[in-house]
Structure formats: C-alpha cells, structure tokens
Amino acid sequence: MLRRQIMSGLGVLLILVTAKGQVQQSIKGYELYSWKVKGNWHYSLLAGTNRAKTYDEIMSRNTERIGSEALEGELKKIPKGEEVFWKGDAPVGATRSATSKGLDLKHPSRKRIERIKAICERLGIKLKLA
C-alpha cells in the first residue's frame, strides 16, 4: 500500500516537472490581442474560453508582451497545431478600467501581421484574424 502511494506520488511529480515551462494545451485555442502605446506594439496571448475577457485581463502586466520578439517567445510555448485567434477589437461588453482608458485594441499594419503569421507558420501554429 505504501509503495503504491509512493509510486503514485512520484508519477505526479514527474508529470509536474515535465510540464514546467510549457503552456497547457487549450481546448478553445488561444486569443491574441494587440494595441499600440508610444510607438510600441503590445500583445497579450490568453487561453481561449467561453467567456469574454475584460480589459484588465487582456492588458494585465502578467500577460502583456512588448514587441514582436517577446510575442514570439510566448508563441513558442504553444503546442504545434493549436489555433490562435487574433482579435481586432475588445470582446463585446468588455468594460474599461481607469488604466485602459484611451487604449484601443486593434490589428497592426498588414506588414507586421504577415511577419507574425510567418512566425506562427514556422512554429506550426494556425493564426486566424478575428
């Protein structure tokens, strides 16, 4: 009995160690948001859900990445074959917080979009503009 508990505990520990640093696979794909501040593009990559995201979730310092290189680092954590839906606007009904006032979620230029699409293709990720 004790041996079985120890083996089960080691199995769980092995799974946790293996998963460290990897993004969990999302059942609903991922949502990508972008906005521009003082000439720099900011991105937020969130796991897809059935509920609309809030501005605070989207623009959180924990999920915000500045620049294409930082975004690429986040995209590398997503398993191959996943879908990323790049939202061109905030979810319907999302309310702005005091810190998000004046910031508009939007897609960047076609050139920047094509560059990020190429990164996704190289990583085996399906990027869809929404």
N, C-alpha and C. Protein backbone atom coordinates (compact mmCIF):
# COMPACT_ATOMS: atom_id res chain seq x y z
N MET A 1 0.83 -1.20 0.00
CA MET A 1 0.00 0.00 0.00
C MET A 1 0.87 1.26 0.00
N LEU A 2 1.85 1.31 0.89
CA LEU A 2 2.73 2.47 0.97
C LEU A 2 3.54 2.62 -0.32
N ARG A 3 3.98 1.48 -0.85
CA ARG A 3 4.75 1.52 -2.10
C ARG A 3 3.90 2.10 -3.24
N ARG A 4 2.64 1.72 -3.30
CA ARG A 4 1.74 2.23 -4.35
C ARG A 4 1.56 3.74 -4.21
N GLN A 5 1.43 4.24 -2.98
CA GLN A 5 1.29 5.67 -2.76
C GLN A 5 2.56 6.42 -3.17
N ILE A 6 3.70 5.85 -2.85
CA ILE A 6 4.97 6.48 -3.22
C ILE A 6 5.11 6.53 -4.74
N MET A 7 4.79 5.43 -5.40
CA MET A 7 4.89 5.38 -6.86
C MET A 7 3.91 6.38 -7.50
N SER A 8 2.70 6.48 -6.96
CA SER A 8 1.73 7.45 -7.49
C SER A 8 2.25 8.88 -7.31
N GLY A 9 2.81 9.16 -6.13
CA GLY A 9 3.37 10.48 -5.87
C GLY A 9 4.51 10.81 -6.81
N LEU A 10 5.39 9.85 -7.06
CA LEU A 10 6.49 10.06 -8.00
C LEU A 10 5.98 10.30 -9.42
N GLY A 11 4.92 9.60 -9.79
CA GLY A 11 4.33 9.80 -11.12
C GLY A 11 3.79 11.21 -11.29
N VAL A 12 3.10 11.69 -10.28
CA VAL A 12 2.55 13.05 -10.32
C VAL A 12 3.69 14.06 -10.37
N LEU A 13 4.73 13.84 -9.57
CA LEU A 13 5.88 14.73 -9.56
C LEU A 13 6.56 14.77 -10.92
N LEU A 14 6.69 13.63 -11.56
CA LEU A 14 7.30 13.56 -12.88
C LEU A 14 6.48 14.35 -13.90
N ILE A 15 5.18 14.24 -13.83
CA ILE A 15 4.30 15.00 -14.75
C ILE A 15 4.47 16.50 -14.53
N LEU A 16 4.51 16.92 -13.27
CA LEU A 16 4.67 18.34 -12.96
C LEU A 16 6.01 18.87 -13.44
N VAL A 17 7.07 18.12 -13.24
CA VAL A 17 8.39 18.56 -13.67
C VAL A 17 8.45 18.65 -15.19
N THR A 18 7.85 17.69 -15.88
CA THR A 18 7.84 17.68 -17.34
C THR A 18 7.05 18.87 -17.88
N ALA A 19 5.96 19.22 -17.22
CA ALA A 19 5.10 20.31 -17.70
C ALA A 19 5.63 21.69 -17.37
N LYS A 20 6.60 21.79 -16.47
CA LYS A 20 7.11 23.11 -16.07
C LYS A 20 7.65 23.87 -17.28
N GLY A 21 7.22 25.10 -17.44
CA GLY A 21 7.69 25.93 -18.53
C GLY A 21 6.92 25.74 -19.83
N GLN A 22 5.97 24.84 -19.83
CA GLN A 22 5.17 24.64 -21.03
C GLN A 22 3.77 25.20 -20.80
N VAL A 23 3.19 25.76 -21.86
CA VAL A 23 1.83 26.24 -21.78
C VAL A 23 0.91 25.05 -21.97
N GLN A 24 -0.11 24.95 -21.13
CA GLN A 24 -1.06 23.86 -21.28
C GLN A 24 -1.81 24.00 -22.59
N GLN A 25 -2.15 22.86 -23.16
CA GLN A 25 -2.94 22.90 -24.39
C GLN A 25 -4.32 23.42 -24.04
N SER A 26 -4.84 24.29 -24.88
CA SER A 26 -6.13 24.91 -24.64
C SER A 26 -7.19 24.24 -25.48
N ILE A 27 -8.32 23.93 -24.88
CA ILE A 27 -9.42 23.30 -25.61
C ILE A 27 -10.03 24.28 -26.61
N LYS A 28 -10.05 25.55 -26.29
CA LYS A 28 -10.66 26.58 -27.13
C LYS A 28 -9.65 27.39 -27.92
N GLY A 29 -8.43 26.90 -28.05
CA GLY A 29 -7.40 27.66 -28.75
C GLY A 29 -6.91 28.80 -27.88
N TYR A 30 -6.35 29.80 -28.52
CA TYR A 30 -5.80 30.95 -27.81
C TYR A 30 -6.32 32.23 -28.44
N GLU A 31 -6.34 33.29 -27.66
CA GLU A 31 -6.77 34.60 -28.14
C GLU A 31 -5.57 35.54 -28.05
N LEU A 32 -5.32 36.24 -29.14
CA LEU A 32 -4.24 37.22 -29.20
C LEU A 32 -4.85 38.61 -29.35
N TYR A 33 -4.40 39.53 -28.53
CA TYR A 33 -4.85 40.91 -28.59
C TYR A 33 -3.62 41.79 -28.81
N SER A 34 -3.82 42.93 -29.46
CA SER A 34 -2.70 43.85 -29.70
C SER A 34 -3.18 45.29 -29.59
N TRP A 35 -2.25 46.15 -29.16
CA TRP A 35 -2.52 47.57 -29.04
C TRP A 35 -1.18 48.31 -29.08
N LYS A 36 -1.24 49.57 -29.43
CA LYS A 36 -0.04 50.37 -29.60
C LYS A 36 0.04 51.45 -28.53
N VAL A 37 1.22 51.57 -27.91
CA VAL A 37 1.47 52.59 -26.90
C VAL A 37 2.81 53.24 -27.21
N LYS A 38 2.78 54.54 -27.42
CA LYS A 38 4.00 55.33 -27.68
C LYS A 38 4.90 54.68 -28.74
N GLY A 39 4.31 54.25 -29.82
CA GLY A 39 5.06 53.70 -30.94
C GLY A 39 5.46 52.24 -30.80
N ASN A 40 5.12 51.60 -29.69
CA ASN A 40 5.46 50.19 -29.48
C ASN A 40 4.20 49.33 -29.47
N TRP A 41 4.28 48.18 -30.14
CA TRP A 41 3.16 47.26 -30.14
C TRP A 41 3.21 46.37 -28.91
N HIS A 42 2.07 46.24 -28.26
CA HIS A 42 1.90 45.40 -27.07
C HIS A 42 0.99 44.25 -27.46
N TYR A 43 1.27 43.07 -26.90
CA TYR A 43 0.49 41.88 -27.22
C TYR A 43 0.12 41.15 -25.94
N SER A 44 -1.01 40.47 -26.00
CA SER A 44 -1.44 39.62 -24.90
C SER A 44 -1.98 38.34 -25.50
N LEU A 45 -1.44 37.20 -25.08
CA LEU A 45 -1.83 35.90 -25.58
C LEU A 45 -2.49 35.14 -24.43
N LEU A 46 -3.77 34.85 -24.57
CA LEU A 46 -4.55 34.23 -23.49
C LEU A 46 -5.20 32.94 -23.97
N ALA A 47 -5.38 32.00 -23.06
CA ALA A 47 -6.10 30.77 -23.40
C ALA A 47 -7.54 31.12 -23.71
N GLY A 48 -8.09 30.48 -24.74
CA GLY A 48 -9.48 30.73 -25.13
C GLY A 48 -10.45 30.14 -24.12
N THR A 49 -11.55 30.83 -23.92
CA THR A 49 -12.60 30.38 -23.00
C THR A 49 -13.95 30.72 -23.63
N ASN A 50 -15.02 30.29 -22.99
CA ASN A 50 -16.36 30.62 -23.46
C ASN A 50 -16.81 32.01 -23.01
N ARG A 51 -16.08 32.63 -22.14
CA ARG A 51 -16.50 33.94 -21.64
C ARG A 51 -15.63 35.04 -22.24
N ALA A 52 -16.20 36.22 -22.28
CA ALA A 52 -15.48 37.37 -22.82
C ALA A 52 -14.43 37.83 -21.81
N LYS A 53 -13.28 38.21 -22.32
CA LYS A 53 -12.20 38.72 -21.47
C LYS A 53 -12.48 40.18 -21.11
N THR A 54 -11.94 40.61 -19.99
CA THR A 54 -12.06 42.00 -19.59
C THR A 54 -10.79 42.74 -20.04
N TYR A 55 -10.86 44.06 -20.09
CA TYR A 55 -9.67 44.85 -20.41
C TYR A 55 -8.56 44.58 -19.41
N ASP A 56 -8.92 44.43 -18.15
CA ASP A 56 -7.90 44.18 -17.13
C ASP A 56 -7.17 42.86 -17.40
N GLU A 57 -7.89 41.83 -17.81
CA GLU A 57 -7.25 40.55 -18.15
C GLU A 57 -6.34 40.70 -19.36
N ILE A 58 -6.87 41.35 -20.38
CA ILE A 58 -6.13 41.48 -21.64
C ILE A 58 -4.87 42.30 -21.45
N MET A 59 -4.97 43.39 -20.73
CA MET A 59 -3.86 44.32 -20.60
C MET A 59 -3.07 44.17 -19.30
N SER A 60 -3.22 43.02 -18.67
CA SER A 60 -2.51 42.75 -17.42
C SER A 60 -1.00 42.73 -17.64
N ARG A 61 -0.25 43.26 -16.71
CA ARG A 61 1.22 43.24 -16.80
C ARG A 61 1.75 41.81 -16.83
N ASN A 62 0.97 40.86 -16.29
CA ASN A 62 1.40 39.45 -16.28
C ASN A 62 1.35 38.81 -17.66
N THR A 63 0.45 39.28 -18.51
CA THR A 63 0.30 38.67 -19.84
C THR A 63 0.79 39.57 -20.97
N GLU A 64 0.99 40.84 -20.68
CA GLU A 64 1.42 41.80 -21.69
C GLU A 64 2.86 41.55 -22.13
N ARG A 65 3.06 41.54 -23.44
CA ARG A 65 4.40 41.41 -24.01
C ARG A 65 4.60 42.57 -24.97
N ILE A 66 5.76 43.20 -24.94
CA ILE A 66 6.02 44.35 -25.78
C ILE A 66 6.98 43.94 -26.89
N GLY A 67 6.53 44.13 -28.14
CA GLY A 67 7.36 43.83 -29.30
C GLY A 67 7.16 42.43 -29.84
N SER A 68 7.50 42.28 -31.11
CA SER A 68 7.32 41.01 -31.82
C SER A 68 8.18 39.90 -31.24
N GLU A 69 9.38 40.23 -30.78
CA GLU A 69 10.27 39.21 -30.22
C GLU A 69 9.69 38.62 -28.94
N ALA A 70 9.12 39.46 -28.10
CA ALA A 70 8.50 38.99 -26.86
C ALA A 70 7.28 38.13 -27.17
N LEU A 71 6.50 38.54 -28.18
CA LEU A 71 5.35 37.75 -28.58
C LEU A 71 5.80 36.39 -29.10
N GLU A 72 6.86 36.37 -29.90
CA GLU A 72 7.37 35.11 -30.43
C GLU A 72 7.76 34.16 -29.29
N GLY A 73 8.34 34.69 -28.23
CA GLY A 73 8.68 33.87 -27.07
C GLY A 73 7.47 33.19 -26.47
N GLU A 74 6.35 33.90 -26.43
CA GLU A 74 5.11 33.32 -25.91
C GLU A 74 4.53 32.29 -26.89
N LEU A 75 4.59 32.60 -28.18
CA LEU A 75 4.07 31.68 -29.18
C LEU A 75 4.83 30.36 -29.18
N LYS A 76 6.11 30.41 -28.86
CA LYS A 76 6.93 29.18 -28.82
C LYS A 76 6.46 28.22 -27.74
N LYS A 77 5.73 28.71 -26.75
CA LYS A 77 5.23 27.87 -25.66
C LYS A 77 3.96 27.10 -26.03
N ILE A 78 3.36 27.49 -27.15
CA ILE A 78 2.10 26.86 -27.57
C ILE A 78 2.41 25.60 -28.36
N PRO A 79 1.69 24.52 -28.09
CA PRO A 79 1.92 23.28 -28.84
C PRO A 79 1.60 23.44 -30.33
N LYS A 80 2.35 22.72 -31.16
CA LYS A 80 2.08 22.73 -32.60
C LYS A 80 0.65 22.30 -32.87
N GLY A 81 0.08 22.88 -33.92
CA GLY A 81 -1.28 22.53 -34.32
C GLY A 81 -2.37 23.34 -33.64
N GLU A 82 -2.02 24.13 -32.64
CA GLU A 82 -3.01 24.95 -31.94
C GLU A 82 -3.47 26.11 -32.82
N GLU A 83 -4.64 26.64 -32.50
CA GLU A 83 -5.18 27.80 -33.21
C GLU A 83 -5.08 29.03 -32.32
N VAL A 84 -4.68 30.14 -32.93
CA VAL A 84 -4.62 31.42 -32.25
C VAL A 84 -5.55 32.37 -33.01
N PHE A 85 -6.51 32.94 -32.31
CA PHE A 85 -7.46 33.87 -32.91
C PHE A 85 -7.04 35.29 -32.51
N TRP A 86 -6.56 36.04 -33.50
CA TRP A 86 -6.08 37.40 -33.26
C TRP A 86 -7.26 38.35 -33.33
N LYS A 87 -7.69 38.82 -32.19
CA LYS A 87 -8.86 39.69 -32.08
C LYS A 87 -8.50 41.12 -32.46
N GLY A 88 -9.33 41.73 -33.30
CA GLY A 88 -9.10 43.09 -33.74
C GLY A 88 -9.77 44.12 -32.86
N ASP A 89 -10.52 43.66 -31.87
CA ASP A 89 -11.25 44.58 -31.00
C ASP A 89 -11.48 43.87 -29.67
N ALA A 90 -11.94 44.64 -28.70
CA ALA A 90 -12.26 44.07 -27.39
C ALA A 90 -13.52 43.22 -27.49
N PRO A 91 -13.67 42.25 -26.61
CA PRO A 91 -14.89 41.45 -26.61
C PRO A 91 -16.10 42.32 -26.34
N VAL A 92 -17.22 41.94 -26.89
CA VAL A 92 -18.47 42.68 -26.68
C VAL A 92 -18.77 42.74 -25.19
N GLY A 93 -19.06 43.92 -24.71
CA GLY A 93 -19.42 44.10 -23.31
C GLY A 93 -18.25 44.29 -22.37
N ALA A 94 -17.03 44.24 -22.88
CA ALA A 94 -15.86 44.44 -22.02
C ALA A 94 -15.83 45.88 -21.54
N THR A 95 -15.67 46.05 -20.24
CA THR A 95 -15.64 47.40 -19.68
C THR A 95 -14.19 47.82 -19.47
N ARG A 96 -13.94 49.08 -19.64
CA ARG A 96 -12.59 49.63 -19.50
C ARG A 96 -12.34 49.99 -18.04
N SER A 97 -11.11 49.75 -17.63
CA SER A 97 -10.68 50.20 -16.31
C SER A 97 -10.03 51.57 -16.49
N ALA A 98 -9.68 52.19 -15.40
CA ALA A 98 -9.05 53.52 -15.46
C ALA A 98 -7.73 53.45 -16.22
N THR A 99 -7.00 52.33 -16.10
CA THR A 99 -5.69 52.22 -16.76
C THR A 99 -5.81 51.92 -18.25
N SER A 100 -6.95 51.39 -18.70
CA SER A 100 -7.09 51.05 -20.12
C SER A 100 -7.78 52.15 -20.92
N LYS A 101 -8.22 53.21 -20.26
CA LYS A 101 -8.90 54.29 -20.98
C LYS A 101 -7.94 54.90 -21.99
N GLY A 102 -8.42 55.11 -23.19
CA GLY A 102 -7.60 55.72 -24.22
C GLY A 102 -6.80 54.71 -25.03
N LEU A 103 -6.78 53.44 -24.60
CA LEU A 103 -6.07 52.40 -25.35
C LEU A 103 -7.08 51.62 -26.18
N ASP A 104 -6.76 51.46 -27.46
CA ASP A 104 -7.65 50.73 -28.35
C ASP A 104 -7.00 49.44 -28.82
N LEU A 105 -7.71 48.35 -28.66
CA LEU A 105 -7.24 47.08 -29.18
C LEU A 105 -7.46 47.10 -30.69
N LYS A 106 -6.44 46.69 -31.45
CA LYS A 106 -6.54 46.72 -32.90
C LYS A 106 -5.45 45.86 -33.51
N HIS A 107 -5.63 45.54 -34.78
CA HIS A 107 -4.59 44.84 -35.52
C HIS A 107 -3.55 45.86 -36.00
N PRO A 108 -2.29 45.44 -36.07
CA PRO A 108 -1.26 46.34 -36.62
C PRO A 108 -1.32 46.37 -38.14
N SER A 109 -0.29 46.93 -38.75
CA SER A 109 -0.22 47.03 -40.21
C SER A 109 -0.18 45.64 -40.84
N ARG A 110 -0.54 45.59 -42.10
CA ARG A 110 -0.52 44.33 -42.85
C ARG A 110 0.88 43.71 -42.83
N LYS A 111 1.91 44.53 -42.95
CA LYS A 111 3.29 44.04 -42.95
C LYS A 111 3.63 43.33 -41.63
N ARG A 112 3.25 43.93 -40.51
CA ARG A 112 3.51 43.33 -39.20
C ARG A 112 2.69 42.05 -39.03
N ILE A 113 1.47 42.07 -39.49
CA ILE A 113 0.63 40.87 -39.42
C ILE A 113 1.28 39.73 -40.20
N GLU A 114 1.76 40.02 -41.40
CA GLU A 114 2.40 38.99 -42.23
C GLU A 114 3.65 38.44 -41.55
N ARG A 115 4.40 39.29 -40.87
CA ARG A 115 5.59 38.84 -40.16
C ARG A 115 5.22 37.87 -39.02
N ILE A 116 4.16 38.20 -38.29
CA ILE A 116 3.74 37.34 -37.18
C ILE A 116 3.10 36.06 -37.71
N LYS A 117 2.39 36.15 -38.83
CA LYS A 117 1.86 34.94 -39.47
C LYS A 117 2.99 33.99 -39.85
N ALA A 118 4.07 34.53 -40.37
CA ALA A 118 5.23 33.71 -40.77
C ALA A 118 5.84 33.01 -39.55
N ILE A 119 5.90 33.72 -38.43
CA ILE A 119 6.41 33.11 -37.19
C ILE A 119 5.52 31.94 -36.79
N CYS A 120 4.21 32.16 -36.84
CA CYS A 120 3.26 31.11 -36.46
C CYS A 120 3.37 29.91 -37.40
N GLU A 121 3.49 30.16 -38.69
CA GLU A 121 3.64 29.06 -39.64
C GLU A 121 4.89 28.25 -39.34
N ARG A 122 5.98 28.93 -39.05
CA ARG A 122 7.23 28.25 -38.73
C ARG A 122 7.09 27.40 -37.47
N LEU A 123 6.27 27.85 -36.51
CA LEU A 123 6.07 27.14 -35.26
C LEU A 123 4.96 26.09 -35.35
N GLY A 124 4.27 26.03 -36.49
CA GLY A 124 3.19 25.06 -36.65
C GLY A 124 1.89 25.47 -35.97
N ILE A 125 1.70 26.78 -35.82
CA ILE A 125 0.50 27.33 -35.17
C ILE A 125 -0.39 27.94 -36.24
N LYS A 126 -1.69 27.74 -36.11
CA LYS A 126 -2.65 28.31 -37.06
C LYS A 126 -3.13 29.66 -36.55
N LEU A 127 -2.75 30.74 -37.23
CA LEU A 127 -3.15 32.09 -36.83
C LEU A 127 -4.32 32.53 -37.69
N LYS A 128 -5.38 32.97 -37.02
CA LYS A 128 -6.59 33.44 -37.71
C LYS A 128 -6.96 34.82 -37.19
N LEU A 129 -7.12 35.76 -38.11
CA LEU A 129 -7.55 37.10 -37.72
C LEU A 129 -9.04 37.07 -37.45
N ALA A 130 -9.44 37.67 -36.35
CA ALA A 130 -10.85 37.68 -35.98
C ALA A 130 -11.32 39.10 -35.75
